[in-house]
N, C-alpha and C. Protein backbone atom coordinates (compact mmCIF):
# COMPACT_ATOMS: atom_id res chain seq x y z
N MET A 1 -49.00 -10.47 -3.01
CA MET A 1 -48.73 -10.09 -1.64
C MET A 1 -49.96 -9.38 -1.08
N ASP A 2 -50.43 -9.82 0.07
CA ASP A 2 -51.57 -9.16 0.71
C ASP A 2 -51.10 -7.90 1.43
N THR A 3 -51.89 -6.87 1.30
CA THR A 3 -51.65 -5.65 2.05
C THR A 3 -52.99 -5.17 2.57
N TYR A 4 -52.94 -4.31 3.57
CA TYR A 4 -54.18 -3.76 4.11
C TYR A 4 -54.90 -2.94 3.05
N TYR A 5 -54.12 -2.17 2.27
CA TYR A 5 -54.68 -1.37 1.20
C TYR A 5 -54.58 -2.15 -0.10
N CYS A 6 -55.67 -2.41 -0.74
CA CYS A 6 -55.70 -3.11 -2.02
C CYS A 6 -56.00 -2.10 -3.11
N PRO A 7 -55.08 -1.91 -4.06
CA PRO A 7 -55.29 -0.91 -5.10
C PRO A 7 -56.63 -1.05 -5.83
N HIS A 8 -57.10 -2.28 -6.01
CA HIS A 8 -58.36 -2.46 -6.73
C HIS A 8 -59.57 -1.97 -5.90
N ASP A 9 -59.39 -1.74 -4.60
CA ASP A 9 -60.50 -1.23 -3.78
C ASP A 9 -60.88 0.21 -4.13
N LEU A 10 -59.93 0.95 -4.72
CA LEU A 10 -60.24 2.33 -5.10
C LEU A 10 -61.43 2.37 -6.05
N SER A 11 -61.52 1.38 -6.93
CA SER A 11 -62.64 1.35 -7.88
C SER A 11 -63.97 1.01 -7.20
N LYS A 12 -63.93 0.60 -5.94
CA LYS A 12 -65.14 0.29 -5.19
C LYS A 12 -65.63 1.47 -4.35
N PHE A 13 -64.98 2.60 -4.49
CA PHE A 13 -65.30 3.76 -3.66
C PHE A 13 -66.78 4.11 -3.70
N ALA A 14 -67.39 4.02 -4.87
CA ALA A 14 -68.82 4.38 -5.02
C ALA A 14 -69.73 3.46 -4.21
N GLU A 15 -69.23 2.31 -3.79
CA GLU A 15 -70.04 1.42 -2.96
C GLU A 15 -70.39 2.05 -1.62
N MET A 16 -69.69 3.10 -1.25
CA MET A 16 -69.99 3.80 -0.01
C MET A 16 -71.36 4.47 -0.07
N GLY A 17 -71.94 4.56 -1.27
CA GLY A 17 -73.27 5.14 -1.40
C GLY A 17 -74.39 4.12 -1.41
N LYS A 18 -74.08 2.84 -1.29
CA LYS A 18 -75.10 1.81 -1.43
C LYS A 18 -76.20 1.88 -0.38
N ASN A 19 -75.86 2.11 0.86
CA ASN A 19 -76.89 2.08 1.91
C ASN A 19 -77.43 3.46 2.26
N ARG A 20 -76.74 4.50 1.84
CA ARG A 20 -77.21 5.87 2.07
C ARG A 20 -76.96 6.69 0.82
N PRO A 21 -77.69 6.38 -0.27
CA PRO A 21 -77.42 7.05 -1.55
C PRO A 21 -77.60 8.57 -1.49
N GLU A 22 -78.50 9.05 -0.64
CA GLU A 22 -78.71 10.50 -0.56
C GLU A 22 -77.47 11.20 0.00
N LEU A 23 -76.78 10.57 0.96
CA LEU A 23 -75.56 11.16 1.51
C LEU A 23 -74.44 11.10 0.48
N TRP A 24 -74.36 9.98 -0.24
CA TRP A 24 -73.35 9.84 -1.29
C TRP A 24 -73.56 10.89 -2.38
N ALA A 25 -74.80 11.09 -2.77
CA ALA A 25 -75.11 12.08 -3.82
C ALA A 25 -74.71 13.49 -3.38
N LYS A 26 -74.98 13.81 -2.12
CA LYS A 26 -74.59 15.13 -1.62
C LYS A 26 -73.07 15.28 -1.58
N TYR A 27 -72.41 14.21 -1.14
CA TYR A 27 -70.95 14.26 -1.11
C TYR A 27 -70.40 14.45 -2.51
N MET A 28 -70.90 13.69 -3.48
CA MET A 28 -70.39 13.78 -4.84
C MET A 28 -70.68 15.15 -5.47
N GLU A 29 -71.83 15.72 -5.16
CA GLU A 29 -72.15 17.07 -5.66
C GLU A 29 -71.14 18.08 -5.12
N TYR A 30 -70.90 17.99 -3.81
CA TYR A 30 -69.93 18.88 -3.17
C TYR A 30 -68.53 18.66 -3.75
N TYR A 31 -68.12 17.39 -3.82
CA TYR A 31 -66.80 17.03 -4.33
C TYR A 31 -66.60 17.58 -5.75
N SER A 32 -67.59 17.38 -6.60
CA SER A 32 -67.50 17.85 -7.99
C SER A 32 -67.38 19.36 -8.05
N ALA A 33 -68.13 20.06 -7.20
CA ALA A 33 -68.06 21.52 -7.18
C ALA A 33 -66.69 22.00 -6.70
N VAL A 34 -66.15 21.33 -5.70
CA VAL A 34 -64.84 21.71 -5.16
C VAL A 34 -63.75 21.57 -6.22
N PHE A 35 -63.79 20.51 -7.00
CA PHE A 35 -62.72 20.25 -7.96
C PHE A 35 -62.96 20.86 -9.34
N ALA A 36 -64.05 21.58 -9.53
CA ALA A 36 -64.30 22.26 -10.80
C ALA A 36 -63.41 23.51 -10.88
N ASP A 37 -63.17 23.98 -12.10
CA ASP A 37 -62.44 25.23 -12.28
C ASP A 37 -63.12 26.34 -11.50
N GLY A 38 -62.35 27.13 -10.84
CA GLY A 38 -62.85 28.29 -10.09
C GLY A 38 -61.74 29.31 -10.02
N ALA A 39 -61.49 29.84 -8.84
CA ALA A 39 -60.36 30.75 -8.67
C ALA A 39 -59.06 30.00 -8.93
N LEU A 40 -59.06 28.69 -8.65
CA LEU A 40 -57.94 27.82 -8.97
C LEU A 40 -58.35 26.92 -10.13
N THR A 41 -57.38 26.53 -10.94
CA THR A 41 -57.68 25.62 -12.04
C THR A 41 -57.84 24.19 -11.50
N GLU A 42 -58.42 23.33 -12.32
CA GLU A 42 -58.53 21.92 -11.93
C GLU A 42 -57.15 21.32 -11.72
N ARG A 43 -56.17 21.72 -12.52
CA ARG A 43 -54.81 21.21 -12.37
C ARG A 43 -54.21 21.64 -11.04
N GLU A 44 -54.40 22.92 -10.68
CA GLU A 44 -53.88 23.40 -9.39
C GLU A 44 -54.53 22.66 -8.23
N LYS A 45 -55.83 22.43 -8.34
CA LYS A 45 -56.54 21.70 -7.27
C LYS A 45 -56.06 20.25 -7.18
N ALA A 46 -55.78 19.65 -8.32
CA ALA A 46 -55.26 18.27 -8.30
C ALA A 46 -53.89 18.23 -7.64
N LEU A 47 -53.05 19.25 -7.87
CA LEU A 47 -51.73 19.31 -7.23
C LEU A 47 -51.87 19.49 -5.72
N ILE A 48 -52.81 20.33 -5.30
CA ILE A 48 -53.06 20.49 -3.86
C ILE A 48 -53.52 19.15 -3.27
N ALA A 49 -54.44 18.49 -3.97
CA ALA A 49 -54.96 17.21 -3.49
C ALA A 49 -53.84 16.17 -3.40
N LEU A 50 -52.91 16.20 -4.35
CA LEU A 50 -51.78 15.26 -4.32
C LEU A 50 -50.92 15.51 -3.09
N GLY A 51 -50.67 16.77 -2.78
CA GLY A 51 -49.89 17.09 -1.58
C GLY A 51 -50.61 16.66 -0.32
N VAL A 52 -51.90 16.93 -0.24
CA VAL A 52 -52.69 16.52 0.93
C VAL A 52 -52.71 15.00 1.04
N ALA A 53 -52.85 14.32 -0.09
CA ALA A 53 -52.88 12.86 -0.09
C ALA A 53 -51.61 12.29 0.54
N HIS A 54 -50.48 12.90 0.24
CA HIS A 54 -49.23 12.45 0.85
C HIS A 54 -49.19 12.80 2.33
N SER A 55 -49.72 13.96 2.67
CA SER A 55 -49.70 14.38 4.07
C SER A 55 -50.56 13.47 4.94
N VAL A 56 -51.70 13.05 4.43
CA VAL A 56 -52.59 12.15 5.21
C VAL A 56 -52.26 10.69 4.94
N GLN A 57 -51.28 10.45 4.08
CA GLN A 57 -50.77 9.11 3.76
C GLN A 57 -51.87 8.15 3.31
N CYS A 58 -52.69 8.62 2.37
CA CYS A 58 -53.77 7.80 1.81
C CYS A 58 -53.31 7.23 0.46
N PRO A 59 -52.99 5.93 0.40
CA PRO A 59 -52.51 5.37 -0.86
C PRO A 59 -53.55 5.46 -1.98
N TYR A 60 -54.83 5.34 -1.63
CA TYR A 60 -55.87 5.47 -2.65
C TYR A 60 -55.85 6.88 -3.24
N CYS A 61 -55.74 7.87 -2.35
CA CYS A 61 -55.72 9.27 -2.81
C CYS A 61 -54.46 9.56 -3.62
N ILE A 62 -53.32 8.98 -3.20
CA ILE A 62 -52.08 9.19 -3.96
C ILE A 62 -52.24 8.64 -5.37
N ASP A 63 -52.79 7.44 -5.49
CA ASP A 63 -53.04 6.87 -6.82
C ASP A 63 -53.97 7.77 -7.63
N ALA A 64 -55.09 8.14 -7.02
CA ALA A 64 -56.12 8.91 -7.73
C ALA A 64 -55.60 10.27 -8.17
N TYR A 65 -54.90 10.97 -7.27
CA TYR A 65 -54.49 12.33 -7.62
C TYR A 65 -53.20 12.37 -8.43
N THR A 66 -52.40 11.31 -8.39
CA THR A 66 -51.29 11.22 -9.35
C THR A 66 -51.87 11.13 -10.76
N ASN A 67 -52.86 10.26 -10.92
CA ASN A 67 -53.50 10.15 -12.24
C ASN A 67 -54.21 11.44 -12.63
N ALA A 68 -54.91 12.07 -11.66
CA ALA A 68 -55.62 13.32 -11.96
C ALA A 68 -54.65 14.41 -12.39
N CYS A 69 -53.52 14.52 -11.69
CA CYS A 69 -52.52 15.53 -12.05
C CYS A 69 -52.01 15.30 -13.47
N LEU A 70 -51.71 14.05 -13.79
CA LEU A 70 -51.20 13.75 -15.14
C LEU A 70 -52.26 14.03 -16.19
N GLU A 71 -53.53 13.67 -15.91
CA GLU A 71 -54.62 13.92 -16.86
C GLU A 71 -54.84 15.41 -17.09
N LYS A 72 -54.55 16.22 -16.07
CA LYS A 72 -54.81 17.67 -16.19
C LYS A 72 -53.57 18.44 -16.62
N GLY A 73 -52.51 17.69 -17.01
CA GLY A 73 -51.35 18.34 -17.63
C GLY A 73 -50.21 18.68 -16.70
N ALA A 74 -50.27 18.26 -15.44
CA ALA A 74 -49.14 18.52 -14.55
C ALA A 74 -47.98 17.62 -14.95
N ASP A 75 -46.77 18.07 -14.67
CA ASP A 75 -45.61 17.23 -14.95
C ASP A 75 -44.98 16.75 -13.65
N LEU A 76 -43.99 15.89 -13.77
CA LEU A 76 -43.36 15.32 -12.57
C LEU A 76 -42.68 16.37 -11.72
N ASP A 77 -42.13 17.43 -12.33
CA ASP A 77 -41.52 18.51 -11.54
C ASP A 77 -42.56 19.15 -10.63
N GLN A 78 -43.74 19.47 -11.20
CA GLN A 78 -44.80 20.11 -10.41
C GLN A 78 -45.32 19.15 -9.33
N MET A 79 -45.51 17.91 -9.69
CA MET A 79 -46.04 16.93 -8.74
C MET A 79 -45.04 16.69 -7.60
N THR A 80 -43.77 16.59 -7.94
CA THR A 80 -42.75 16.39 -6.91
C THR A 80 -42.69 17.60 -5.99
N GLU A 81 -42.81 18.80 -6.57
CA GLU A 81 -42.81 20.01 -5.75
C GLU A 81 -44.01 20.02 -4.81
N ALA A 82 -45.17 19.58 -5.27
CA ALA A 82 -46.36 19.52 -4.41
C ALA A 82 -46.12 18.58 -3.23
N VAL A 83 -45.46 17.45 -3.48
CA VAL A 83 -45.17 16.51 -2.39
C VAL A 83 -44.16 17.13 -1.42
N HIS A 84 -43.20 17.88 -1.93
CA HIS A 84 -42.24 18.55 -1.04
C HIS A 84 -42.94 19.62 -0.20
N VAL A 85 -43.89 20.33 -0.77
CA VAL A 85 -44.64 21.32 0.02
C VAL A 85 -45.36 20.62 1.17
N ALA A 86 -46.01 19.50 0.86
CA ALA A 86 -46.71 18.75 1.91
C ALA A 86 -45.73 18.29 2.98
N ASN A 87 -44.57 17.81 2.55
CA ASN A 87 -43.56 17.36 3.51
C ASN A 87 -43.08 18.51 4.39
N ALA A 88 -42.85 19.67 3.80
CA ALA A 88 -42.37 20.81 4.57
C ALA A 88 -43.40 21.24 5.61
N ILE A 89 -44.68 21.25 5.23
CA ILE A 89 -45.73 21.63 6.16
C ILE A 89 -45.87 20.59 7.26
N ARG A 90 -45.85 19.33 6.88
CA ARG A 90 -45.98 18.27 7.89
C ARG A 90 -44.78 18.26 8.83
N GLY A 91 -43.57 18.42 8.28
CA GLY A 91 -42.38 18.46 9.12
C GLY A 91 -42.38 19.68 10.03
N GLY A 92 -42.82 20.81 9.49
CA GLY A 92 -42.91 22.03 10.29
C GLY A 92 -43.91 21.88 11.41
N SER A 93 -45.00 21.18 11.12
CA SER A 93 -46.02 20.94 12.14
C SER A 93 -45.44 20.11 13.29
N SER A 94 -44.64 19.12 12.96
CA SER A 94 -43.99 18.33 14.01
C SER A 94 -43.04 19.20 14.83
N LEU A 95 -42.27 20.02 14.14
CA LEU A 95 -41.30 20.85 14.85
C LEU A 95 -41.97 21.89 15.74
N VAL A 96 -43.06 22.49 15.25
CA VAL A 96 -43.71 23.53 16.06
C VAL A 96 -44.31 22.93 17.32
N HIS A 97 -44.69 21.64 17.27
CA HIS A 97 -45.16 20.99 18.49
C HIS A 97 -44.03 20.80 19.50
N GLY A 98 -42.79 20.92 19.01
CA GLY A 98 -41.65 20.89 19.92
C GLY A 98 -41.67 22.05 20.90
N VAL A 99 -42.31 23.15 20.52
CA VAL A 99 -42.46 24.28 21.44
C VAL A 99 -43.28 23.85 22.65
N GLN A 100 -44.33 23.05 22.41
CA GLN A 100 -45.13 22.55 23.53
C GLN A 100 -44.27 21.66 24.44
N MET A 101 -43.44 20.81 23.84
CA MET A 101 -42.54 19.97 24.62
C MET A 101 -41.61 20.82 25.46
N ARG A 102 -41.07 21.87 24.87
CA ARG A 102 -40.16 22.74 25.60
C ARG A 102 -40.89 23.47 26.73
N ASN A 103 -42.15 23.88 26.47
CA ASN A 103 -42.93 24.56 27.51
C ASN A 103 -43.16 23.65 28.71
N ILE A 104 -43.51 22.37 28.44
CA ILE A 104 -43.75 21.42 29.53
C ILE A 104 -42.45 21.15 30.27
N ALA A 105 -41.36 20.93 29.53
CA ALA A 105 -40.07 20.68 30.18
C ALA A 105 -39.66 21.84 31.06
N GLU A 106 -39.90 23.05 30.57
CA GLU A 106 -39.57 24.25 31.35
C GLU A 106 -40.44 24.33 32.61
N LYS A 107 -41.73 23.95 32.46
CA LYS A 107 -42.68 24.02 33.57
C LYS A 107 -42.29 23.06 34.69
N VAL A 108 -41.73 21.89 34.34
CA VAL A 108 -41.34 20.93 35.37
C VAL A 108 -39.90 21.18 35.85
N GLY A 109 -39.32 22.27 35.40
CA GLY A 109 -38.02 22.68 35.92
C GLY A 109 -36.81 22.11 35.24
N MET A 110 -36.94 21.67 34.04
CA MET A 110 -35.77 21.16 33.32
C MET A 110 -35.04 22.29 32.63
């Protein structure tokens, strides 16, 4: 079945550096530093990335960070909780924009 997102394209991600290798190298240096152990563990960062991946609805990121979470020792309870956190924040963001809707409705006299 053809889809817009092809799972095998994730392995082609490094091709983004072909025409501007210096930009790719800088991105990878930054990316590696961000995901290294620091104040947060690599596992905690992978769980955050998994939640963000769901929030931005990136299937490549969901695949990558599901695997990263499992490789770094996260379990399905932790991963599911990370997805619920993303859902709660995204849902809350939609609801808080309802205040803007109410403000406009009030302004036009409804």
